[in-house]
Amino acid sequence: PTEIQALTIPEVLKSEGQHILCAAETGSGKTLAYLLPIINKIKVQEMKVPLLNRPRAIVLLPSRELVEQVLSVSKHMCHFAKFRPIAITSHKNRQFVRKTLLMPTDLVVATPAGLLDYIKNKHISLSETRYLVIDEADTMFCKGFDKDVTSIIKQIKASNVTQNNRPYQIIVVTATLPKTVNELLSKELPFMKRITSYSLHKSLPNLSHNFIDLKIFNYNKYEATIQTLKAHSESASTMIFCNKKKTAEHLEKYLYSKNFPAIGLYGDIDDRTTKLESFRNQESHAKILVCTDIASRGVDTTFVNHVILFDFPTTIVDFLHRVGRTARAGKRGKATYFVTKKDR
């Protein structure tokens, strides 16, 4: 197990009513740190009570890509411990999801808005839910999800109170721990046990940093990008982060014009999951992903060798998530930063 897994799994297993904060750097194995003990608990409970068509565990994530990713990990675990996971997002086929929820369901992986919609329309009940995971908490509590997440926490609390104060467990998972998240956790879950890795908020040990003063390129970021890519191995997978959709869109077209096939991931494009899968495909001709922060959180990028910050992010949280797309799971990676006059 990784450091955070060794610290978190025993704590989740030994207590039913202890809420837990799991905070560790990107790529440290946090998903398995909460999924493994929760599934174990579900299987133990299964010996005592019959299967129900109500979820016993819920995992909340900020985007449908992350929902599908965690669902995929859950399905791999089904080969070793039989349980039934299902994904709920606002983009999922509603008829299919409603039909699936009529069958025994152990784990629901969902976006907050998607879950609340199904609760509101009485397609899903929280009466048997004893485990709630709030993953990517630095996003969930800071970027417009906080009201929905707080509503779900209150409903989980109320549901278990009506069941003779049945113990329940909330696990908050994050790669950064900004002040806003700390304040909200102190308010909503004041007695939670905090587990943090040694490397939290520290530079990844296998990550090298390369700062390029754009003065040598007459402050032309596009030319600097081309030269940086040329200096890198053709087989390397590179993510290039921009602050704005318009910039990312323009950069993607520019790279194509210079014979650098790239995949764009930004804004509200409908085929985001397909684009990510294409980028992950090691046989793909496009080894470059031009993106905004939509691709900076939670996405499995263990194969990425190089991250370029075309634009500097506006917060330290976004910075840590961007550079955390490489040097994951013990592998080596490189981060390149373009330094303009205003970045000095």
Protein backbone atom coordinates (compact mmCIF):
# COMPACT_ATOMS: atom_id res chain seq x y z
CA PRO A 1 0.00 0.00 0.00
CA THR A 2 0.97 3.62 -0.46
CA GLU A 3 1.55 5.87 2.56
CA ILE A 4 -1.97 7.32 2.55
CA GLN A 5 -3.54 3.88 2.03
CA ALA A 6 -1.62 2.44 4.99
CA LEU A 7 -2.77 5.36 7.15
CA THR A 8 -6.40 5.54 5.99
CA ILE A 9 -7.63 1.97 5.46
CA PRO A 10 -7.26 0.82 9.11
CA GLU A 11 -8.97 3.98 10.38
CA VAL A 12 -11.96 3.54 8.06
CA LEU A 13 -12.27 -0.13 9.00
CA LYS A 14 -12.12 0.16 12.77
CA SER A 15 -14.87 2.71 13.34
CA GLU A 16 -18.44 3.02 12.10
CA GLY A 17 -19.14 6.52 13.35
CA GLN A 18 -15.78 8.25 12.98
CA HIS A 19 -15.69 10.81 10.16
CA ILE A 20 -12.33 10.98 8.41
CA LEU A 21 -10.34 13.49 6.37
CA CYS A 22 -7.96 11.84 3.89
CA ALA A 23 -5.57 14.45 2.51
CA ALA A 24 -2.63 13.48 0.29
CA GLU A 25 -0.80 14.61 -2.81
CA THR A 26 -2.11 13.76 -6.28
CA GLY A 27 -1.37 10.27 -7.60
CA SER A 28 -0.98 8.77 -4.10
CA GLY A 29 -3.77 6.16 -4.32
CA LYS A 30 -6.56 7.90 -2.41
CA THR A 31 -9.36 6.23 -4.41
CA LEU A 32 -8.41 2.75 -3.21
CA ALA A 33 -7.75 4.15 0.28
CA TYR A 34 -11.50 4.69 0.71
CA LEU A 35 -13.02 2.16 -1.71
CA LEU A 36 -11.29 -0.93 -0.29
CA PRO A 37 -12.41 -0.54 3.35
CA ILE A 38 -15.92 0.58 2.40
CA ILE A 39 -16.47 -2.44 0.15
CA ASN A 40 -15.12 -4.68 2.90
CA LYS A 41 -17.65 -3.20 5.33
CA ILE A 42 -20.48 -3.65 2.84
CA LYS A 43 -19.58 -7.33 2.37
CA VAL A 44 -19.50 -7.89 6.15
CA GLN A 45 -22.93 -6.25 6.53
CA GLU A 46 -24.23 -8.39 3.68
CA MET A 47 -23.85 -11.44 5.91
CA LYS A 48 -26.24 -9.91 8.44
CA VAL A 49 -28.89 -8.22 6.28
CA PRO A 50 -30.39 -9.06 2.86
CA LEU A 51 -29.52 -7.18 -0.34
CA LEU A 52 -31.53 -3.99 -0.82
CA ASN A 53 -32.21 -1.79 -3.81
CA ARG A 54 -30.91 1.16 -1.79
CA PRO A 55 -27.25 2.16 -1.78
CA ARG A 56 -25.20 1.65 1.35
CA ALA A 57 -22.38 3.86 0.13
CA ILE A 58 -22.22 7.02 -1.98
CA VAL A 59 -19.16 8.64 -3.56
CA LEU A 60 -19.52 12.26 -4.69
CA LEU A 61 -17.30 13.78 -7.38
CA PRO A 62 -17.39 17.12 -9.24
CA SER A 63 -17.52 15.89 -12.86
CA ARG A 64 -18.90 13.05 -14.94
CA GLU A 65 -15.38 12.11 -16.10
CA LEU A 66 -14.31 11.52 -12.51
CA VAL A 67 -17.55 9.65 -11.80
CA GLU A 68 -16.86 7.29 -14.71
CA GLN A 69 -13.25 6.85 -13.61
CA VAL A 70 -14.15 5.86 -10.03
CA LEU A 71 -16.93 3.64 -11.37
CA SER A 72 -14.35 1.89 -13.55
CA VAL A 73 -12.12 1.24 -10.52
CA SER A 74 -15.15 -0.09 -8.63
CA LYS A 75 -16.05 -2.46 -11.45
CA HIS A 76 -12.52 -3.87 -11.47
CA MET A 77 -12.96 -4.62 -7.77
CA CYS A 78 -16.20 -6.49 -8.53
CA HIS A 79 -14.09 -9.36 -9.87
CA PHE A 80 -12.75 -9.97 -6.35
CA ALA A 81 -15.70 -8.96 -4.17
CA LYS A 82 -19.15 -9.16 -5.67
CA PHE A 83 -21.04 -5.91 -5.23
CA ARG A 84 -23.09 -3.65 -7.48
CA PRO A 85 -21.89 -0.11 -8.31
CA ILE A 86 -23.76 2.40 -10.45
CA ALA A 87 -22.99 5.89 -11.75
CA ILE A 88 -25.38 8.86 -11.62
CA THR A 89 -24.76 12.12 -13.45
CA SER A 90 -27.04 14.61 -15.15
CA HIS A 91 -25.86 13.22 -18.52
CA LYS A 92 -26.64 9.55 -17.82
CA ASN A 93 -29.56 7.84 -19.57
CA ARG A 94 -32.30 8.39 -16.99
CA GLN A 95 -34.41 5.41 -18.00
CA PHE A 96 -31.42 3.07 -17.73
CA VAL A 97 -30.41 4.45 -14.31
CA ARG A 98 -33.95 4.23 -12.91
CA LYS A 99 -34.25 0.63 -14.11
CA THR A 100 -30.86 -0.24 -12.57
CA LEU A 101 -31.83 1.33 -9.24
CA LEU A 102 -34.77 -1.08 -8.98
CA MET A 103 -32.21 -3.87 -8.50
CA PRO A 104 -29.94 -4.36 -5.44
CA THR A 105 -27.41 -1.51 -5.39
CA ASP A 106 -24.42 -1.27 -3.07
CA LEU A 107 -22.47 1.76 -4.26
CA VAL A 108 -23.56 4.93 -6.06
CA VAL A 109 -20.91 7.13 -7.66
CA ALA A 110 -22.42 10.49 -8.54
CA THR A 111 -22.14 14.21 -9.06
CA PRO A 112 -23.95 16.21 -6.34
CA ALA A 113 -26.51 17.69 -8.75
CA GLY A 114 -27.21 14.31 -10.36
CA LEU A 115 -27.74 12.62 -7.00
CA LEU A 116 -30.02 15.37 -5.65
CA ASP A 117 -32.15 15.18 -8.79
CA TYR A 118 -32.76 11.45 -8.28
CA ILE A 119 -33.47 11.97 -4.57
CA LYS A 120 -35.93 14.77 -5.35
CA ASN A 121 -37.81 12.56 -7.81
CA LYS A 122 -37.77 9.65 -5.33
CA HIS A 123 -35.79 7.36 -7.63
CA ILE A 124 -33.22 6.82 -4.91
CA SER A 125 -33.49 6.52 -1.13
CA LEU A 126 -30.79 7.27 1.45
CA SER A 127 -32.46 5.17 4.15
CA GLU A 128 -29.69 2.54 4.09
CA THR A 129 -26.75 4.82 3.25
CA ARG A 130 -24.09 4.59 5.96
CA TYR A 131 -21.00 5.74 4.07
CA LEU A 132 -20.56 9.01 2.21
CA VAL A 133 -17.33 9.93 0.43
CA ILE A 134 -16.73 13.50 -0.73
CA ASP A 135 -13.82 13.22 -3.16
CA GLU A 136 -11.96 16.20 -4.66
CA ALA A 137 -13.08 18.21 -1.63
CA ASP A 138 -10.98 21.25 -2.54
CA THR A 139 -13.23 21.56 -5.60
CA MET A 140 -16.47 20.35 -4.02
CA PHE A 141 -16.38 22.88 -1.19
CA CYS A 142 -15.06 25.83 -3.17
CA LYS A 143 -16.43 26.00 -6.71
CA GLY A 144 -20.20 26.11 -6.62
CA PHE A 145 -20.82 22.60 -5.25
CA ASP A 146 -20.84 23.52 -1.56
CA LYS A 147 -24.61 24.01 -1.19
CA ASP A 148 -25.42 20.70 -2.88
CA VAL A 149 -22.78 18.83 -0.87
CA THR A 150 -23.96 20.38 2.40
CA SER A 151 -27.54 19.40 1.54
CA ILE A 152 -26.52 15.78 0.95
CA ILE A 153 -24.56 15.68 4.23
CA LYS A 154 -27.62 16.92 6.12
CA GLN A 155 -29.87 14.33 4.45
CA ILE A 156 -27.43 11.52 5.30
CA LYS A 157 -27.35 12.71 8.92
CA ALA A 158 -31.14 12.93 9.11
CA SER A 159 -31.61 9.50 7.54
CA ASN A 160 -29.36 7.79 10.08
CA VAL A 161 -30.83 9.70 13.02
CA THR A 162 -34.27 8.30 12.16
CA GLN A 163 -32.74 4.79 12.20
CA ASN A 164 -32.23 4.92 15.98
CA ASN A 165 -29.14 7.10 15.64
CA ARG A 166 -27.42 4.47 13.54
CA PRO A 167 -23.69 5.24 13.17
CA TYR A 168 -22.60 6.53 9.77
CA GLN A 169 -19.29 7.60 8.30
CA ILE A 170 -18.32 10.55 6.12
CA ILE A 171 -14.92 10.47 4.41
CA VAL A 172 -13.58 13.68 2.90
CA VAL A 173 -10.80 13.22 0.33
CA THR A 174 -8.59 15.96 -1.07
CA ALA A 175 -5.21 16.66 -2.65
CA THR A 176 -4.97 20.15 -1.13
CA LEU A 177 -6.33 21.63 2.07
CA PRO A 178 -7.03 25.34 1.58
CA LYS A 179 -8.40 27.57 4.32
CA THR A 180 -11.94 27.57 2.89
CA VAL A 181 -12.13 23.76 3.04
CA ASN A 182 -10.75 23.72 6.60
CA GLU A 183 -13.34 26.24 7.74
CA LEU A 184 -16.25 24.37 6.19
CA LEU A 185 -15.10 21.03 7.62
CA SER A 186 -14.73 22.55 11.07
CA LYS A 187 -18.32 23.77 10.80
CA GLU A 188 -19.99 20.69 9.29
CA LEU A 189 -17.81 17.87 10.69
CA PRO A 190 -16.00 19.28 13.75
CA PHE A 191 -14.92 15.96 15.28
CA MET A 192 -13.50 14.25 12.21
CA LYS A 193 -10.16 12.43 12.37
CA ARG A 194 -7.60 14.09 10.10
CA ILE A 195 -5.17 11.91 8.16
CA THR A 196 -2.57 13.66 6.02
CA SER A 197 0.42 12.37 4.09
CA TYR A 198 3.94 13.64 4.68
CA SER A 199 4.08 15.03 1.11
CA LEU A 200 0.86 17.04 1.26
CA HIS A 201 1.45 20.54 -0.18
CA LYS A 202 5.04 19.62 -1.04
CA SER A 203 6.70 19.27 -4.42
CA LEU A 204 6.48 15.71 -5.77
CA PRO A 205 9.83 13.95 -5.24
CA ASN A 206 10.09 12.65 -8.82
CA LEU A 207 9.07 15.92 -10.48
CA SER A 208 11.67 18.17 -12.13
CA HIS A 209 10.90 21.84 -12.76
CA ASN A 210 11.92 23.87 -15.81
CA PHE A 211 11.32 27.64 -15.86
CA ILE A 212 11.55 29.33 -19.27
CA ASP A 213 11.95 33.09 -19.43
CA LEU A 214 9.85 34.08 -22.44
CA LYS A 215 12.11 37.03 -23.05
CA ILE A 216 14.28 34.75 -25.22
CA PHE A 217 11.22 34.09 -27.42
CA ASN A 218 10.18 37.75 -27.53
CA TYR A 219 7.37 36.76 -25.16
CA ASN A 220 5.78 34.52 -27.81
CA LYS A 221 4.24 31.62 -25.88
CA TYR A 222 3.27 29.77 -29.04
CA GLU A 223 6.85 29.65 -30.36
CA ALA A 224 8.07 28.67 -26.88
CA THR A 225 5.57 25.77 -26.87
CA ILE A 226 6.81 24.48 -30.22
CA GLN A 227 10.47 24.61 -29.15
CA THR A 228 9.66 22.94 -25.83
CA LEU A 229 7.81 20.11 -27.55
CA LYS A 230 10.64 19.64 -30.06
CA ALA A 231 13.12 19.30 -27.20
CA HIS A 232 11.01 16.55 -25.68
CA SER A 233 10.77 12.92 -26.76
CA GLU A 234 8.19 12.28 -29.49
CA SER A 235 6.85 9.34 -27.49
CA ALA A 236 6.22 11.50 -24.40
CA SER A 237 2.66 12.32 -23.41
CA THR A 238 2.28 16.03 -22.65
CA MET A 239 -0.51 18.07 -21.07
CA ILE A 240 -0.58 21.81 -21.77
CA PHE A 241 -2.68 23.91 -19.38
CA CYS A 242 -4.32 27.22 -20.33
CA ASN A 243 -6.39 29.48 -18.11
CA LYS A 244 -9.11 30.16 -20.69
CA LYS A 245 -11.10 28.07 -23.16
CA LYS A 246 -10.41 30.53 -25.99
CA THR A 247 -6.65 30.29 -25.44
CA ALA A 248 -6.74 26.48 -25.37
CA GLU A 249 -8.82 26.37 -28.53
CA HIS A 250 -6.43 28.68 -30.37
CA LEU A 251 -3.35 26.76 -29.16
CA GLU A 252 -4.80 23.43 -30.30
CA LYS A 253 -5.33 24.79 -33.82
CA TYR A 254 -1.87 26.38 -33.84
CA LEU A 255 -0.20 23.08 -32.89
CA TYR A 256 -2.03 21.27 -35.69
CA SER A 257 -0.83 23.89 -38.15
CA LYS A 258 2.74 23.13 -37.04
CA ASN A 259 2.29 19.33 -37.42
CA PHE A 260 1.85 18.64 -33.73
CA PRO A 261 -1.41 16.62 -33.46
CA ALA A 262 -3.20 17.60 -30.28
CA ILE A 263 -6.44 16.81 -28.51
CA GLY A 264 -8.40 19.68 -26.97
CA LEU A 265 -10.21 19.34 -23.65
CA TYR A 266 -11.87 22.54 -22.46
CA GLY A 267 -15.24 24.15 -21.85
CA ASP A 268 -18.51 22.28 -22.20
CA ILE A 269 -17.63 20.01 -25.12
CA ASP A 270 -19.87 16.95 -25.17
CA ASP A 271 -17.29 14.24 -25.90
CA ARG A 272 -14.89 14.93 -23.04
CA THR A 273 -14.73 11.28 -21.94
CA THR A 274 -14.00 10.15 -25.51
CA LYS A 275 -11.21 12.73 -25.82
CA LEU A 276 -9.63 11.58 -22.57
CA GLU A 277 -9.73 7.96 -23.68
CA SER A 278 -8.13 8.92 -26.99
CA PHE A 279 -5.33 10.72 -25.14
CA ARG A 280 -4.81 7.74 -22.81
CA ASN A 281 -4.53 5.39 -25.79
CA GLN A 282 -0.79 4.89 -26.13
CA GLU A 283 -1.19 3.97 -29.80
CA SER A 284 -2.85 7.30 -30.55
CA HIS A 285 -0.99 9.66 -32.89
CA ALA A 286 -1.91 12.58 -30.62
CA LYS A 287 0.39 12.66 -27.59
CA ILE A 288 -0.55 16.21 -26.61
CA LEU A 289 -3.58 17.29 -24.59
CA VAL A 290 -4.38 21.02 -24.63
CA CYS A 291 -6.70 21.71 -21.73
CA THR A 292 -8.06 23.98 -19.04
CA ASP A 293 -8.44 23.03 -15.38
CA ILE A 294 -11.23 20.69 -16.38
CA ALA A 295 -8.47 18.06 -16.77
CA SER A 296 -6.45 18.98 -13.69
CA ARG A 297 -8.36 17.02 -11.05
CA GLY A 298 -8.64 13.33 -10.37
CA VAL A 299 -8.18 12.17 -13.96
CA ASP A 300 -5.90 9.11 -14.27
CA THR A 301 -2.74 10.42 -15.95
CA THR A 302 -0.02 8.05 -14.71
CA PHE A 303 1.28 7.84 -18.29
CA VAL A 304 1.88 11.61 -18.62
CA ASN A 305 5.59 12.50 -18.71
CA HIS A 306 5.39 16.26 -19.14
CA VAL A 307 3.17 19.14 -18.07
CA ILE A 308 3.46 22.62 -19.59
CA LEU A 309 1.85 25.60 -17.90
CA PHE A 310 1.12 27.80 -20.91
CA ASP A 311 -0.55 30.17 -18.46
CA PHE A 312 0.23 30.38 -14.76
CA PRO A 313 -2.82 29.41 -12.68
CA THR A 314 -4.49 32.00 -10.48
CA THR A 315 -4.40 29.93 -7.25
CA ILE A 316 -1.89 27.62 -5.55
CA VAL A 317 -4.57 24.89 -5.45
CA ASP A 318 -4.87 24.92 -9.24
CA PHE A 319 -1.07 24.93 -9.53
CA LEU A 320 -0.70 21.80 -7.38
CA HIS A 321 -3.42 19.99 -9.32
CA ARG A 322 -1.90 20.87 -12.70
CA VAL A 323 1.65 19.79 -11.94
CA GLY A 324 0.21 16.76 -10.16
CA ARG A 325 -0.86 15.30 -13.51
CA THR A 326 2.69 13.96 -13.94
CA ALA A 327 5.24 12.22 -11.67
CA ARG A 328 2.42 10.04 -10.36
CA ALA A 329 2.58 6.61 -8.72
CA GLY A 330 6.37 6.80 -8.27
CA LYS A 331 7.11 7.65 -11.91
CA ARG A 332 9.30 10.54 -13.04
CA GLY A 333 7.86 13.64 -14.65
CA LYS A 334 8.70 17.16 -15.75
CA ALA A 335 6.87 20.46 -15.42
CA THR A 336 7.69 23.42 -17.67
CA TYR A 337 6.59 26.95 -16.80
CA PHE A 338 6.51 29.92 -19.15
CA VAL A 339 7.52 33.04 -17.22
CA THR A 340 6.22 36.38 -18.49
CA LYS A 341 6.87 39.86 -17.12
CA LYS A 342 3.81 39.74 -14.87
CA ASP A 343 4.77 36.30 -13.49
CA ARG A 344 8.06 37.52 -12.03
